[in-house]
Amino acid sequence: MYATSMSRNAEVPVFNQIEEVRTKLGLSRQELADMVGVHYQTIGYLERGEYSPSLVLALRISEAVNKPVSELFSLTDPKKGKK
């Protein structure tokens, strides 16, 4: 769950909780994508950690799911508690 290949800072992984939050809310990737103005595949790339979002997109996702950015994105793997 971290971005490496498409990130501007490939050496710094960015972890996210998008999929967990999205599924708890009962949203499909398409629905979340429509809410934030991106293609549904972009949501998939983000969830798999293949891409790090721009700050604007991170803020839009945060607003759409009503969670603080700090609950969605982290430099620490929430599953491992490590960087």
Protein backbone atom coordinates (compact mmCIF):
# COMPACT_ATOMS: atom_id res chain seq x y z
CA MET A 1 0.00 0.00 0.00
CA TYR A 2 2.64 2.56 -0.88
CA ALA A 3 3.57 4.56 -3.92
CA THR A 4 6.90 4.03 -5.57
CA SER A 5 6.93 4.04 -9.36
CA MET A 6 4.73 7.04 -10.16
CA SER A 7 5.46 9.21 -7.14
CA ARG A 8 7.43 12.40 -7.52
CA ASN A 9 9.43 11.22 -4.49
CA ALA A 10 9.83 7.55 -5.34
CA GLU A 11 12.07 6.91 -2.33
CA VAL A 12 9.37 7.99 0.14
CA PRO A 13 6.38 5.61 0.27
CA VAL A 14 2.97 7.10 1.01
CA PHE A 15 0.56 4.71 2.70
CA ASN A 16 -3.19 5.15 2.60
CA GLN A 17 -6.45 3.88 4.04
CA ILE A 18 -8.63 4.81 1.06
CA GLU A 19 -9.93 1.32 0.33
CA GLU A 20 -10.76 0.57 3.95
CA VAL A 21 -12.64 3.85 4.42
CA ARG A 22 -14.35 3.63 1.02
CA THR A 23 -15.65 0.10 1.63
CA LYS A 24 -16.86 0.97 5.14
CA LEU A 25 -18.89 3.75 3.58
CA GLY A 26 -20.30 1.36 0.96
CA LEU A 27 -18.80 3.32 -1.93
CA SER A 28 -17.56 1.75 -5.14
CA ARG A 29 -14.37 3.00 -6.76
CA GLN A 30 -16.52 4.60 -9.45
CA GLU A 31 -18.65 6.44 -6.91
CA LEU A 32 -15.64 7.82 -5.06
CA ALA A 33 -13.99 8.74 -8.36
CA ASP A 34 -17.10 10.64 -9.44
CA MET A 35 -17.16 12.48 -6.11
CA VAL A 36 -13.56 13.69 -6.49
CA GLY A 37 -13.44 14.15 -10.28
CA VAL A 38 -11.06 11.39 -11.37
CA HIS A 39 -11.27 8.14 -13.33
CA TYR A 40 -12.17 5.07 -11.27
CA GLN A 41 -8.83 3.50 -12.22
CA THR A 42 -7.07 6.34 -10.42
CA ILE A 43 -8.77 5.27 -7.20
CA GLY A 44 -7.50 1.74 -7.81
CA TYR A 45 -3.95 2.97 -8.39
CA LEU A 46 -4.11 4.96 -5.17
CA GLU A 47 -5.53 2.06 -3.16
CA ARG A 48 -2.83 -0.30 -4.41
CA GLY A 49 -0.13 2.25 -3.66
CA GLU A 50 0.91 2.57 -7.28
CA TYR A 51 0.41 6.31 -7.25
CA SER A 52 0.59 9.13 -4.72
CA PRO A 53 -2.16 11.72 -5.00
CA SER A 54 -1.58 15.40 -5.47
CA LEU A 55 -2.36 17.51 -2.43
CA VAL A 56 -5.55 18.71 -4.12
CA LEU A 57 -6.71 15.16 -4.79
CA ALA A 58 -5.84 14.06 -1.25
CA LEU A 59 -7.93 16.94 0.10
CA ARG A 60 -10.84 16.11 -2.22
CA ILE A 61 -10.79 12.47 -1.12
CA SER A 62 -10.60 13.52 2.51
CA GLU A 63 -13.61 15.79 2.08
CA ALA A 64 -15.58 13.17 0.13
CA VAL A 65 -15.19 10.52 2.84
CA ASN A 66 -15.41 13.03 5.70
CA LYS A 67 -12.07 12.02 7.22
CA PRO A 68 -9.00 14.13 7.99
CA VAL A 69 -6.15 13.76 5.52
CA SER A 70 -4.00 12.46 8.38
CA GLU A 71 -6.38 9.49 8.81
CA LEU A 72 -6.17 8.61 5.12
CA PHE A 73 -2.51 9.17 4.26
CA SER A 74 0.70 8.49 6.17
CA LEU A 75 4.42 7.98 5.79
CA THR A 76 4.07 5.15 8.30
CA ASP A 77 2.50 1.84 7.33
CA PRO A 78 -0.61 1.64 9.54
CA LYS A 79 -0.55 -2.15 9.33
CA LYS A 80 3.03 -2.41 10.55
CA GLY A 81 3.58 0.80 12.47
CA LYS A 82 6.82 1.34 10.54
CA LYS A 83 8.15 3.63 7.85
